[in-house]
Amino acid sequence: MNQAEIEAALKAAFLQCEQAFLPLTDRQKEILLKVTVEKLTTQPNIEDNPLDELTLEQRQTLLEFIQDRQRQNQDWKITLLNDWLNNRDSGAVQFIRDEYGFGWLSRVQPIHLAKYKQQLTDETLKVGDRIEVCNALWEWVQPEDSASYEWFPCQVIDISEVSDGDSSYTNCIVRFENGLEFEIQGIDRWNRNNWRFPEP
């Protein structure tokens, strides 16, 4: 983003704050504008990629969020900043605010995302892919107890697209090493967090 785009986005955010009866003072606007433009227009250090600081699951969640915003023609950073300014929960990516903050967010540049862009395009499953699936697919696991999650290697043996009125989603059948087969519905949607590619 260039300086004009940043200023325009922030001014739109300021206007939304005013419309929500939560106006910022002129001094607050000035500080936000100065810091944001300064941080977002400096040349990033390619070697120091903030996305490398995330866990595999956090990075995957963030990349999915970015991809979703792009599909809706929205800037992912502005969406997060609007949430933060309006003290709204950011859903699955709330961890960025809670654990990393504005400083981390401002360090993320397109060049850093480029390293992981291939991961976004490689997420399309194909028959023959080896993946790992989580036990949360077939049993209840406490979300806050990561020790309860178990991952099992398997191979994708069939993929089918399902159209359900206005939406479509992907189902797939996997075969475990013991020969057992299991169908996963909505593997690209609601069950996306329950599978992963094995780490190299």
N, C-alpha and C. Protein backbone atom coordinates (compact mmCIF):
# COMPACT_ATOMS: atom_id res chain seq x y z
N MET A 1 0.85 -1.19 0.00
CA MET A 1 0.00 0.00 0.00
C MET A 1 0.88 1.24 0.00
N ASN A 2 0.48 2.22 -0.78
CA ASN A 2 1.23 3.47 -0.75
C ASN A 2 0.60 4.40 0.29
N GLN A 3 1.24 5.55 0.50
CA GLN A 3 0.79 6.46 1.55
C GLN A 3 -0.64 6.95 1.33
N ALA A 4 -0.99 7.25 0.09
CA ALA A 4 -2.35 7.74 -0.20
C ALA A 4 -3.40 6.68 0.12
N GLU A 5 -3.11 5.41 -0.22
CA GLU A 5 -4.05 4.32 0.07
C GLU A 5 -4.21 4.12 1.58
N ILE A 6 -3.11 4.22 2.29
CA ILE A 6 -3.14 4.06 3.76
C ILE A 6 -3.98 5.17 4.38
N GLU A 7 -3.72 6.40 3.95
CA GLU A 7 -4.47 7.54 4.49
C GLU A 7 -5.96 7.41 4.18
N ALA A 8 -6.27 6.99 2.96
CA ALA A 8 -7.69 6.83 2.58
C ALA A 8 -8.36 5.74 3.44
N ALA A 9 -7.65 4.64 3.66
CA ALA A 9 -8.21 3.56 4.47
C ALA A 9 -8.43 4.01 5.91
N LEU A 10 -7.47 4.72 6.46
CA LEU A 10 -7.61 5.20 7.83
C LEU A 10 -8.73 6.22 7.95
N LYS A 11 -8.85 7.10 6.97
CA LYS A 11 -9.92 8.09 7.01
C LYS A 11 -11.29 7.41 6.94
N ALA A 12 -11.37 6.33 6.16
CA ALA A 12 -12.62 5.56 6.11
C ALA A 12 -12.90 4.92 7.47
N ALA A 13 -11.85 4.44 8.12
CA ALA A 13 -12.02 3.85 9.46
C ALA A 13 -12.45 4.91 10.47
N PHE A 14 -11.86 6.10 10.37
CA PHE A 14 -12.23 7.19 11.28
C PHE A 14 -13.71 7.56 11.09
N LEU A 15 -14.15 7.58 9.84
CA LEU A 15 -15.54 7.89 9.54
C LEU A 15 -16.47 6.83 10.13
N GLN A 16 -16.08 5.57 10.02
CA GLN A 16 -16.89 4.50 10.60
C GLN A 16 -16.97 4.63 12.12
N CYS A 17 -15.88 5.06 12.73
CA CYS A 17 -15.88 5.28 14.18
C CYS A 17 -16.89 6.38 14.54
N GLU A 18 -16.88 7.46 13.76
CA GLU A 18 -17.82 8.55 14.01
C GLU A 18 -19.26 8.10 13.82
N GLN A 19 -19.50 7.31 12.78
CA GLN A 19 -20.85 6.83 12.52
C GLN A 19 -21.33 5.89 13.61
N ALA A 20 -20.38 5.23 14.28
CA ALA A 20 -20.73 4.32 15.38
C ALA A 20 -20.75 5.06 16.72
N PHE A 21 -20.67 6.40 16.65
CA PHE A 21 -20.66 7.25 17.84
C PHE A 21 -19.47 6.95 18.76
N LEU A 22 -18.34 6.59 18.14
CA LEU A 22 -17.09 6.36 18.86
C LEU A 22 -15.97 7.16 18.20
N PRO A 23 -16.15 8.48 18.09
CA PRO A 23 -15.16 9.28 17.35
C PRO A 23 -13.82 9.33 18.07
N LEU A 24 -12.78 9.40 17.26
CA LEU A 24 -11.44 9.57 17.79
C LEU A 24 -11.14 11.07 17.84
N THR A 25 -10.27 11.46 18.76
CA THR A 25 -9.86 12.86 18.82
C THR A 25 -8.94 13.15 17.64
N ASP A 26 -8.75 14.43 17.33
CA ASP A 26 -7.84 14.79 16.24
C ASP A 26 -6.43 14.30 16.53
N ARG A 27 -6.02 14.36 17.79
CA ARG A 27 -4.68 13.90 18.17
C ARG A 27 -4.54 12.39 17.97
N GLN A 28 -5.59 11.62 18.32
CA GLN A 28 -5.56 10.16 18.12
C GLN A 28 -5.46 9.84 16.62
N LYS A 29 -6.23 10.56 15.82
CA LYS A 29 -6.19 10.35 14.38
C LYS A 29 -4.80 10.65 13.83
N GLU A 30 -4.22 11.74 14.29
CA GLU A 30 -2.89 12.15 13.84
C GLU A 30 -1.85 11.08 14.19
N ILE A 31 -1.90 10.58 15.42
CA ILE A 31 -0.94 9.56 15.85
C ILE A 31 -1.11 8.28 15.03
N LEU A 32 -2.35 7.81 14.88
CA LEU A 32 -2.60 6.60 14.11
C LEU A 32 -2.13 6.75 12.66
N LEU A 33 -2.43 7.89 12.07
CA LEU A 33 -2.03 8.14 10.69
C LEU A 33 -0.52 8.14 10.56
N LYS A 34 0.15 8.85 11.45
CA LYS A 34 1.62 8.96 11.40
C LYS A 34 2.29 7.60 11.58
N VAL A 35 1.89 6.88 12.62
CA VAL A 35 2.52 5.59 12.91
C VAL A 35 2.24 4.57 11.81
N THR A 36 1.00 4.54 11.35
CA THR A 36 0.63 3.57 10.32
C THR A 36 1.37 3.83 9.02
N VAL A 37 1.37 5.06 8.57
CA VAL A 37 2.07 5.40 7.32
C VAL A 37 3.56 5.10 7.46
N GLU A 38 4.12 5.48 8.58
CA GLU A 38 5.54 5.27 8.83
C GLU A 38 5.89 3.78 8.81
N LYS A 39 5.08 2.98 9.51
CA LYS A 39 5.37 1.55 9.61
C LYS A 39 5.09 0.80 8.31
N LEU A 40 4.03 1.18 7.63
CA LEU A 40 3.64 0.43 6.44
C LEU A 40 4.38 0.84 5.17
N THR A 41 5.05 1.96 5.19
CA THR A 41 5.76 2.38 3.98
C THR A 41 7.26 2.18 4.07
N THR A 42 7.77 1.72 5.20
CA THR A 42 9.21 1.43 5.29
C THR A 42 9.49 0.12 4.58
N GLN A 43 10.69 -0.01 4.05
CA GLN A 43 11.07 -1.23 3.34
C GLN A 43 11.21 -2.39 4.32
N PRO A 44 10.53 -3.49 4.06
CA PRO A 44 10.62 -4.63 4.97
C PRO A 44 11.94 -5.36 4.83
N ASN A 45 12.35 -5.98 5.91
CA ASN A 45 13.52 -6.84 5.89
C ASN A 45 13.04 -8.22 5.46
N ILE A 46 13.49 -8.68 4.32
CA ILE A 46 13.02 -9.94 3.77
C ILE A 46 13.38 -11.10 4.70
N GLU A 47 14.55 -11.01 5.31
CA GLU A 47 15.00 -12.10 6.18
C GLU A 47 14.15 -12.23 7.44
N ASP A 48 13.59 -11.13 7.91
CA ASP A 48 12.83 -11.11 9.16
C ASP A 48 11.34 -11.18 8.85
N ASN A 49 10.84 -12.39 8.59
CA ASN A 49 9.44 -12.57 8.20
C ASN A 49 8.58 -12.80 9.44
N PRO A 50 7.69 -11.87 9.77
CA PRO A 50 6.85 -12.02 10.96
C PRO A 50 5.99 -13.28 10.93
N LEU A 51 5.63 -13.75 9.74
CA LEU A 51 4.80 -14.95 9.66
C LEU A 51 5.53 -16.19 10.18
N ASP A 52 6.86 -16.15 10.16
CA ASP A 52 7.64 -17.26 10.70
C ASP A 52 7.48 -17.38 12.21
N GLU A 53 7.05 -16.31 12.87
CA GLU A 53 6.88 -16.32 14.32
C GLU A 53 5.60 -17.04 14.74
N LEU A 54 4.68 -17.25 13.79
CA LEU A 54 3.40 -17.90 14.10
C LEU A 54 3.58 -19.42 14.15
N THR A 55 2.70 -20.08 14.89
CA THR A 55 2.68 -21.54 14.84
C THR A 55 2.09 -21.95 13.49
N LEU A 56 2.26 -23.20 13.14
CA LEU A 56 1.73 -23.69 11.87
C LEU A 56 0.21 -23.46 11.78
N GLU A 57 -0.50 -23.74 12.88
CA GLU A 57 -1.96 -23.57 12.88
C GLU A 57 -2.34 -22.09 12.79
N GLN A 58 -1.60 -21.22 13.50
CA GLN A 58 -1.89 -19.79 13.45
C GLN A 58 -1.65 -19.25 12.04
N ARG A 59 -0.55 -19.66 11.44
CA ARG A 59 -0.22 -19.18 10.10
C ARG A 59 -1.29 -19.64 9.10
N GLN A 60 -1.73 -20.88 9.21
CA GLN A 60 -2.77 -21.40 8.32
C GLN A 60 -4.06 -20.62 8.50
N THR A 61 -4.43 -20.35 9.75
CA THR A 61 -5.65 -19.59 10.03
C THR A 61 -5.56 -18.19 9.44
N LEU A 62 -4.40 -17.54 9.62
CA LEU A 62 -4.22 -16.19 9.07
C LEU A 62 -4.28 -16.22 7.55
N LEU A 63 -3.61 -17.17 6.92
CA LEU A 63 -3.62 -17.24 5.45
C LEU A 63 -5.04 -17.47 4.92
N GLU A 64 -5.81 -18.29 5.61
CA GLU A 64 -7.20 -18.51 5.21
C GLU A 64 -8.02 -17.22 5.36
N PHE A 65 -7.76 -16.48 6.44
CA PHE A 65 -8.44 -15.21 6.67
C PHE A 65 -8.10 -14.22 5.54
N ILE A 66 -6.82 -14.14 5.20
CA ILE A 66 -6.37 -13.24 4.13
C ILE A 66 -7.04 -13.62 2.81
N GLN A 67 -7.05 -14.91 2.52
CA GLN A 67 -7.67 -15.38 1.28
C GLN A 67 -9.16 -15.05 1.25
N ASP A 68 -9.83 -15.23 2.38
CA ASP A 68 -11.26 -14.92 2.46
C ASP A 68 -11.51 -13.43 2.24
N ARG A 69 -10.69 -12.57 2.84
CA ARG A 69 -10.84 -11.12 2.64
C ARG A 69 -10.60 -10.76 1.18
N GLN A 70 -9.60 -11.38 0.55
CA GLN A 70 -9.31 -11.09 -0.85
C GLN A 70 -10.49 -11.46 -1.74
N ARG A 71 -11.13 -12.59 -1.44
CA ARG A 71 -12.31 -13.01 -2.21
C ARG A 71 -13.43 -11.98 -2.11
N GLN A 72 -13.49 -11.28 -0.97
CA GLN A 72 -14.52 -10.27 -0.75
C GLN A 72 -14.04 -8.87 -1.11
N ASN A 73 -12.88 -8.79 -1.76
CA ASN A 73 -12.27 -7.52 -2.16
C ASN A 73 -12.09 -6.57 -0.97
N GLN A 74 -11.65 -7.13 0.14
CA GLN A 74 -11.39 -6.34 1.35
C GLN A 74 -9.92 -6.51 1.73
N ASP A 75 -9.36 -5.46 2.30
CA ASP A 75 -7.99 -5.52 2.78
C ASP A 75 -8.00 -6.18 4.16
N TRP A 76 -7.21 -7.21 4.33
CA TRP A 76 -7.24 -7.97 5.59
C TRP A 76 -6.73 -7.14 6.77
N LYS A 77 -5.71 -6.30 6.54
CA LYS A 77 -5.18 -5.49 7.64
C LYS A 77 -6.21 -4.45 8.09
N ILE A 78 -6.88 -3.83 7.15
CA ILE A 78 -7.88 -2.82 7.49
C ILE A 78 -9.03 -3.46 8.24
N THR A 79 -9.41 -4.67 7.83
CA THR A 79 -10.47 -5.39 8.56
C THR A 79 -10.07 -5.59 10.01
N LEU A 80 -8.83 -6.03 10.23
CA LEU A 80 -8.36 -6.24 11.61
C LEU A 80 -8.30 -4.93 12.38
N LEU A 81 -7.76 -3.90 11.74
CA LEU A 81 -7.64 -2.60 12.42
C LEU A 81 -9.02 -2.04 12.78
N ASN A 82 -9.99 -2.22 11.88
CA ASN A 82 -11.36 -1.78 12.20
C ASN A 82 -11.91 -2.53 13.40
N ASP A 83 -11.67 -3.83 13.44
CA ASP A 83 -12.10 -4.61 14.61
C ASP A 83 -11.46 -4.07 15.88
N TRP A 84 -10.18 -3.80 15.81
CA TRP A 84 -9.45 -3.34 16.99
C TRP A 84 -9.92 -1.97 17.43
N LEU A 85 -10.11 -1.06 16.46
CA LEU A 85 -10.56 0.29 16.80
C LEU A 85 -11.97 0.28 17.40
N ASN A 86 -12.79 -0.66 16.95
CA ASN A 86 -14.16 -0.75 17.45
C ASN A 86 -14.30 -1.78 18.57
N ASN A 87 -13.17 -2.29 19.05
CA ASN A 87 -13.14 -3.26 20.15
C ASN A 87 -14.03 -4.46 19.86
N ARG A 88 -13.97 -4.94 18.59
CA ARG A 88 -14.73 -6.12 18.18
C ARG A 88 -13.80 -7.33 18.15
N ASP A 89 -14.36 -8.47 18.43
CA ASP A 89 -13.61 -9.72 18.34
C ASP A 89 -13.34 -10.02 16.87
N SER A 90 -12.14 -10.48 16.56
CA SER A 90 -11.77 -10.78 15.18
C SER A 90 -11.91 -12.26 14.84
N GLY A 91 -12.66 -12.98 15.64
CA GLY A 91 -12.92 -14.39 15.35
C GLY A 91 -11.67 -15.23 15.42
N ALA A 92 -11.47 -16.06 14.41
CA ALA A 92 -10.37 -17.02 14.39
C ALA A 92 -8.99 -16.36 14.43
N VAL A 93 -8.90 -15.08 14.01
CA VAL A 93 -7.61 -14.39 14.01
C VAL A 93 -7.45 -13.41 15.17
N GLN A 94 -8.30 -13.54 16.19
CA GLN A 94 -8.20 -12.70 17.37
C GLN A 94 -6.83 -12.86 18.04
N PHE A 95 -6.19 -14.02 17.86
CA PHE A 95 -4.88 -14.27 18.47
C PHE A 95 -3.84 -13.24 18.03
N ILE A 96 -4.01 -12.64 16.85
CA ILE A 96 -3.05 -11.65 16.39
C ILE A 96 -3.06 -10.45 17.33
N ARG A 97 -4.24 -9.99 17.67
CA ARG A 97 -4.37 -8.86 18.60
C ARG A 97 -3.90 -9.25 20.00
N ASP A 98 -4.35 -10.42 20.47
CA ASP A 98 -4.08 -10.84 21.84
C ASP A 98 -2.61 -11.19 22.08
N GLU A 99 -1.99 -11.86 21.10
CA GLU A 99 -0.63 -12.37 21.33
C GLU A 99 0.47 -11.56 20.64
N TYR A 100 0.14 -10.88 19.53
CA TYR A 100 1.18 -10.23 18.74
C TYR A 100 1.04 -8.72 18.67
N GLY A 101 -0.16 -8.21 18.52
CA GLY A 101 -0.40 -6.78 18.57
C GLY A 101 -0.13 -6.02 17.28
N PHE A 102 -0.28 -4.70 17.41
CA PHE A 102 -0.16 -3.80 16.25
C PHE A 102 1.25 -3.80 15.67
N GLY A 103 2.25 -3.85 16.55
CA GLY A 103 3.63 -3.84 16.07
C GLY A 103 3.91 -4.99 15.12
N TRP A 104 3.43 -6.16 15.48
CA TRP A 104 3.63 -7.33 14.62
C TRP A 104 2.87 -7.15 13.31
N LEU A 105 1.60 -6.72 13.41
CA LEU A 105 0.77 -6.54 12.23
C LEU A 105 1.41 -5.55 11.25
N SER A 106 1.97 -4.48 11.79
CA SER A 106 2.55 -3.46 10.92
C SER A 106 3.82 -3.94 10.22
N ARG A 107 4.45 -4.97 10.76
CA ARG A 107 5.67 -5.52 10.13
C ARG A 107 5.35 -6.41 8.93
N VAL A 108 4.14 -6.94 8.86
CA VAL A 108 3.78 -7.87 7.78
C VAL A 108 3.58 -7.09 6.48
N GLN A 109 4.37 -7.45 5.48
CA GLN A 109 4.31 -6.80 4.18
C GLN A 109 4.01 -7.84 3.10
N PRO A 110 3.58 -7.39 1.92
CA PRO A 110 3.29 -8.34 0.84
C PRO A 110 4.45 -9.29 0.54
N ILE A 111 5.68 -8.80 0.66
CA ILE A 111 6.83 -9.66 0.38
C ILE A 111 6.90 -10.82 1.37
N HIS A 112 6.43 -10.59 2.61
CA HIS A 112 6.42 -11.66 3.60
C HIS A 112 5.33 -12.69 3.27
N LEU A 113 4.19 -12.20 2.79
CA LEU A 113 3.10 -13.10 2.43
C LEU A 113 3.45 -13.94 1.21
N ALA A 114 4.29 -13.38 0.33
CA ALA A 114 4.66 -14.08 -0.90
C ALA A 114 5.31 -15.43 -0.59
N LYS A 115 6.04 -15.49 0.50
CA LYS A 115 6.70 -16.75 0.89
C LYS A 115 5.67 -17.85 1.11
N TYR A 116 4.48 -17.47 1.57
CA TYR A 116 3.45 -18.45 1.89
C TYR A 116 2.31 -18.48 0.88
N LYS A 117 2.38 -17.65 -0.16
CA LYS A 117 1.32 -17.63 -1.17
C LYS A 117 1.18 -19.00 -1.83
N GLN A 118 2.31 -19.66 -2.06
CA GLN A 118 2.26 -20.98 -2.69
C GLN A 118 1.47 -21.94 -1.82
N GLN A 119 1.62 -21.78 -0.50
CA GLN A 119 0.87 -22.63 0.43
C GLN A 119 -0.63 -22.44 0.24
N LEU A 120 -1.05 -21.20 -0.02
CA LEU A 120 -2.48 -20.95 -0.26
C LEU A 120 -2.97 -21.65 -1.51
N THR A 121 -2.16 -21.61 -2.57
CA THR A 121 -2.59 -22.23 -3.82
C THR A 121 -2.42 -23.73 -3.78
N ASP A 122 -1.52 -24.23 -2.93
CA ASP A 122 -1.31 -25.67 -2.82
C ASP A 122 -2.34 -26.35 -1.93
N GLU A 123 -3.25 -25.59 -1.33
CA GLU A 123 -4.20 -26.16 -0.39
C GLU A 123 -5.29 -26.97 -1.07
N THR A 124 -5.37 -26.93 -2.38
CA THR A 124 -6.37 -27.72 -3.07
C THR A 124 -5.95 -29.18 -3.04
N LEU A 125 -6.80 -30.00 -2.47
CA LEU A 125 -6.49 -31.42 -2.37
C LEU A 125 -6.68 -32.10 -3.71
N LYS A 126 -5.85 -33.12 -3.93
CA LYS A 126 -5.96 -33.93 -5.12
C LYS A 126 -5.94 -35.40 -4.69
N VAL A 127 -6.55 -36.24 -5.48
CA VAL A 127 -6.50 -37.67 -5.21
C VAL A 127 -5.03 -38.09 -5.19
N GLY A 128 -4.67 -38.83 -4.19
CA GLY A 128 -3.28 -39.28 -4.03
C GLY A 128 -2.49 -38.48 -3.01
N ASP A 129 -3.00 -37.29 -2.63
CA ASP A 129 -2.30 -36.47 -1.62
C ASP A 129 -2.25 -37.20 -0.29
N ARG A 130 -1.13 -37.06 0.39
CA ARG A 130 -1.00 -37.57 1.75
C ARG A 130 -1.28 -36.42 2.69
N ILE A 131 -2.21 -36.65 3.63
CA ILE A 131 -2.56 -35.63 4.62
C ILE A 131 -2.62 -36.28 6.00
N GLU A 132 -2.81 -35.44 6.99
CA GLU A 132 -3.06 -35.91 8.35
C GLU A 132 -4.42 -35.37 8.76
N VAL A 133 -5.23 -36.21 9.40
CA VAL A 133 -6.54 -35.76 9.87
C VAL A 133 -6.59 -35.86 11.39
N CYS A 134 -7.41 -35.00 11.96
CA CYS A 134 -7.51 -34.88 13.41
C CYS A 134 -8.65 -35.74 13.94
N ASN A 135 -8.45 -36.26 15.15
CA ASN A 135 -9.50 -37.07 15.78
C ASN A 135 -10.77 -36.28 16.06
N ALA A 136 -10.72 -34.95 15.97
CA ALA A 136 -11.92 -34.14 16.18
C ALA A 136 -12.97 -34.39 15.09
N LEU A 137 -12.58 -35.04 14.02
CA LEU A 137 -13.54 -35.37 12.96
C LEU A 137 -14.55 -36.41 13.42
N TRP A 138 -14.17 -37.31 14.30
CA TRP A 138 -15.06 -38.39 14.71
C TRP A 138 -15.34 -38.48 16.20
N GLU A 139 -14.69 -37.60 16.99
CA GLU A 139 -14.99 -37.58 18.42
C GLU A 139 -14.90 -36.17 18.95
N TRP A 140 -15.59 -35.93 20.05
CA TRP A 140 -15.57 -34.60 20.64
C TRP A 140 -14.24 -34.37 21.34
N VAL A 141 -13.62 -33.23 21.03
CA VAL A 141 -12.35 -32.86 21.64
C VAL A 141 -12.51 -31.45 22.21
N GLN A 142 -12.07 -31.25 23.44
CA GLN A 142 -12.18 -29.92 24.03
C GLN A 142 -11.31 -28.95 23.24
N PRO A 143 -11.90 -27.87 22.73
CA PRO A 143 -11.14 -26.94 21.89
C PRO A 143 -9.92 -26.34 22.59
N GLU A 144 -10.03 -26.08 23.88
CA GLU A 144 -8.92 -25.42 24.58
C GLU A 144 -7.84 -26.40 25.04
N ASP A 145 -8.06 -27.71 24.84
CA ASP A 145 -7.11 -28.72 25.29
C ASP A 145 -6.38 -29.29 24.08
N SER A 146 -5.31 -28.63 23.66
CA SER A 146 -4.60 -29.06 22.45
C SER A 146 -3.96 -30.44 22.62
N ALA A 147 -3.74 -30.88 23.86
CA ALA A 147 -3.17 -32.20 24.09
C ALA A 147 -4.14 -33.31 23.69
N SER A 148 -5.43 -32.99 23.60
CA SER A 148 -6.44 -33.99 23.23
C SER A 148 -6.48 -34.25 21.72
N TYR A 149 -5.86 -33.37 20.95
CA TYR A 149 -5.85 -33.54 19.50
C TYR A 149 -4.81 -34.58 19.10
N GLU A 150 -5.24 -35.52 18.25
CA GLU A 150 -4.32 -36.51 17.70
C GLU A 150 -4.42 -36.44 16.18
N TRP A 151 -3.29 -36.63 15.52
CA TRP A 151 -3.26 -36.53 14.07
C TRP A 151 -2.88 -37.90 13.49
N PHE A 152 -3.62 -38.29 12.43
CA PHE A 152 -3.45 -39.61 11.83
C PHE A 152 -3.14 -39.46 10.34
N PRO A 153 -2.07 -40.11 9.86
CA PRO A 153 -1.73 -40.03 8.44
C PRO A 153 -2.71 -40.85 7.60
N CYS A 154 -2.99 -40.33 6.41
CA CYS A 154 -3.89 -41.03 5.50
C CYS A 154 -3.64 -40.52 4.08
N GLN A 155 -4.35 -41.11 3.13
CA GLN A 155 -4.22 -40.70 1.72
C GLN A 155 -5.60 -40.40 1.15
N VAL A 156 -5.68 -39.34 0.37
CA VAL A 156 -6.93 -38.97 -0.28
C VAL A 156 -7.17 -39.93 -1.44
N ILE A 157 -8.35 -40.60 -1.43
CA ILE A 157 -8.64 -41.55 -2.51
C ILE A 157 -9.80 -41.11 -3.39
N ASP A 158 -10.58 -40.12 -2.93
CA ASP A 158 -11.68 -39.62 -3.76
C ASP A 158 -12.04 -38.21 -3.32
N ILE A 159 -12.39 -37.38 -4.28
CA ILE A 159 -12.82 -36.00 -4.00
C ILE A 159 -14.09 -35.75 -4.79
N SER A 160 -15.07 -35.10 -4.14
CA SER A 160 -16.29 -34.77 -4.85
C SER A 160 -16.75 -33.37 -4.45
N GLU A 161 -17.26 -32.64 -5.42
CA GLU A 161 -17.81 -31.32 -5.19
C GLU A 161 -19.31 -31.46 -4.98
N VAL A 162 -19.82 -30.78 -3.94
CA VAL A 162 -21.24 -30.85 -3.63
C VAL A 162 -21.82 -29.44 -3.74
N SER A 163 -22.93 -29.32 -4.46
CA SER A 163 -23.59 -28.03 -4.58
C SER A 163 -24.89 -28.11 -3.80
N ASP A 164 -25.03 -27.18 -2.86
CA ASP A 164 -26.20 -27.19 -1.98
C ASP A 164 -26.88 -25.83 -2.05
N GLY A 165 -27.69 -25.63 -3.07
CA GLY A 165 -28.36 -24.34 -3.25
C GLY A 165 -27.36 -23.27 -3.64
N ASP A 166 -27.15 -22.28 -2.76
CA ASP A 166 -26.26 -21.15 -3.04
C ASP A 166 -24.80 -21.46 -2.79
N SER A 167 -24.51 -22.50 -2.02
CA SER A 167 -23.12 -22.77 -1.68
C SER A 167 -22.66 -24.10 -2.25
N SER A 168 -21.35 -24.24 -2.30
CA SER A 168 -20.77 -25.51 -2.70
C SER A 168 -19.60 -25.80 -1.78
N TYR A 169 -19.31 -27.06 -1.63
CA TYR A 169 -18.21 -27.47 -0.76
C TYR A 169 -17.64 -28.78 -1.27
N THR A 170 -16.53 -29.18 -0.70
CA THR A 170 -15.82 -30.36 -1.15
C THR A 170 -15.86 -31.45 -0.08
N ASN A 171 -16.20 -32.64 -0.50
CA ASN A 171 -16.10 -33.82 0.36
C ASN A 171 -14.95 -34.66 -0.15
N CYS A 172 -14.35 -35.44 0.73
CA CYS A 172 -13.32 -36.35 0.26
C CYS A 172 -13.34 -37.63 1.08
N ILE A 173 -12.83 -38.67 0.51
CA ILE A 173 -12.68 -39.95 1.20
C ILE A 173 -11.18 -40.18 1.36
N VAL A 174 -10.80 -40.55 2.59
CA VAL A 174 -9.39 -40.83 2.87
C VAL A 174 -9.26 -42.29 3.29
N ARG A 175 -8.08 -42.83 3.06
CA ARG A 175 -7.78 -44.21 3.49
C ARG A 175 -6.62 -44.14 4.48
N PHE A 176 -6.86 -44.69 5.66
CA PHE A 176 -5.83 -44.74 6.69
C PHE A 176 -4.86 -45.88 6.40
N GLU A 177 -3.74 -45.88 7.11
CA GLU A 177 -2.72 -46.90 6.87
C GLU A 177 -3.22 -48.31 7.18
N ASN A 178 -4.25 -48.43 8.05
CA ASN A 178 -4.79 -49.76 8.37
C ASN A 178 -5.86 -50.21 7.36
N GLY A 179 -6.10 -49.40 6.31
CA GLY A 179 -7.05 -49.76 5.27
C GLY A 179 -8.45 -49.20 5.47
N LEU A 180 -8.74 -48.68 6.65
CA LEU A 180 -10.05 -48.11 6.94
C LEU A 180 -10.24 -46.84 6.11
N GLU A 181 -11.45 -46.67 5.57
CA GLU A 181 -11.77 -45.48 4.78
C GLU A 181 -12.76 -44.61 5.54
N PHE A 182 -12.65 -43.30 5.34
CA PHE A 182 -13.47 -42.36 6.09
C PHE A 182 -13.82 -41.18 5.18
N GLU A 183 -15.10 -40.78 5.15
CA GLU A 183 -15.51 -39.63 4.34
C GLU A 183 -15.50 -38.37 5.20
N ILE A 184 -14.90 -37.33 4.68
CA ILE A 184 -14.85 -36.03 5.36
C ILE A 184 -15.67 -35.05 4.55
N GLN A 185 -16.75 -34.57 5.14
CA GLN A 185 -17.60 -33.60 4.45
C GLN A 185 -17.08 -32.19 4.74
N GLY A 186 -17.21 -31.32 3.76
CA GLY A 186 -16.82 -29.92 3.93
C GLY A 186 -15.34 -29.76 4.27
N ILE A 187 -14.51 -30.55 3.62
CA ILE A 187 -13.08 -30.52 3.94
C ILE A 187 -12.46 -29.16 3.62
N ASP A 188 -13.07 -28.42 2.71
CA ASP A 188 -12.57 -27.10 2.35
C ASP A 188 -13.26 -25.99 3.13
N ARG A 189 -14.23 -26.31 3.97
CA ARG A 189 -14.98 -25.30 4.71
C ARG A 189 -14.93 -25.58 6.20
N TRP A 190 -16.02 -26.16 6.72
CA TRP A 190 -16.16 -26.29 8.18
C TRP A 190 -15.19 -27.30 8.78
N ASN A 191 -14.67 -28.22 7.99
CA ASN A 191 -13.69 -29.17 8.52
C ASN A 191 -12.26 -28.84 8.11
N ARG A 192 -12.03 -27.62 7.61
CA ARG A 192 -10.69 -27.26 7.15
C ARG A 192 -9.64 -27.34 8.25
N ASN A 193 -10.00 -27.01 9.47
CA ASN A 193 -9.02 -27.03 10.57
C ASN A 193 -8.74 -28.43 11.08
N ASN A 194 -9.43 -29.42 10.55
CA ASN A 194 -9.26 -30.79 11.03
C ASN A 194 -8.38 -31.65 10.13
N TRP A 195 -7.69 -31.03 9.20
CA TRP A 195 -6.72 -31.75 8.39
C TRP A 195 -5.57 -30.82 8.06
N ARG A 196 -4.46 -31.40 7.69
CA ARG A 196 -3.27 -30.63 7.32
C ARG A 196 -2.36 -31.49 6.46
N PHE A 197 -1.51 -30.81 5.71
CA PHE A 197 -0.47 -31.53 5.00
C PHE A 197 0.62 -31.86 6.00
N PRO A 198 1.25 -33.03 5.89
CA PRO A 198 2.32 -33.36 6.83
C PRO A 198 3.48 -32.37 6.69
N GLU A 199 4.14 -32.09 7.79
CA GLU A 199 5.30 -31.22 7.73
C GLU A 199 6.44 -31.97 7.06
N PRO A 200 7.20 -31.29 6.19
CA PRO A 200 8.29 -31.98 5.47
C PRO A 200 9.38 -32.43 6.44
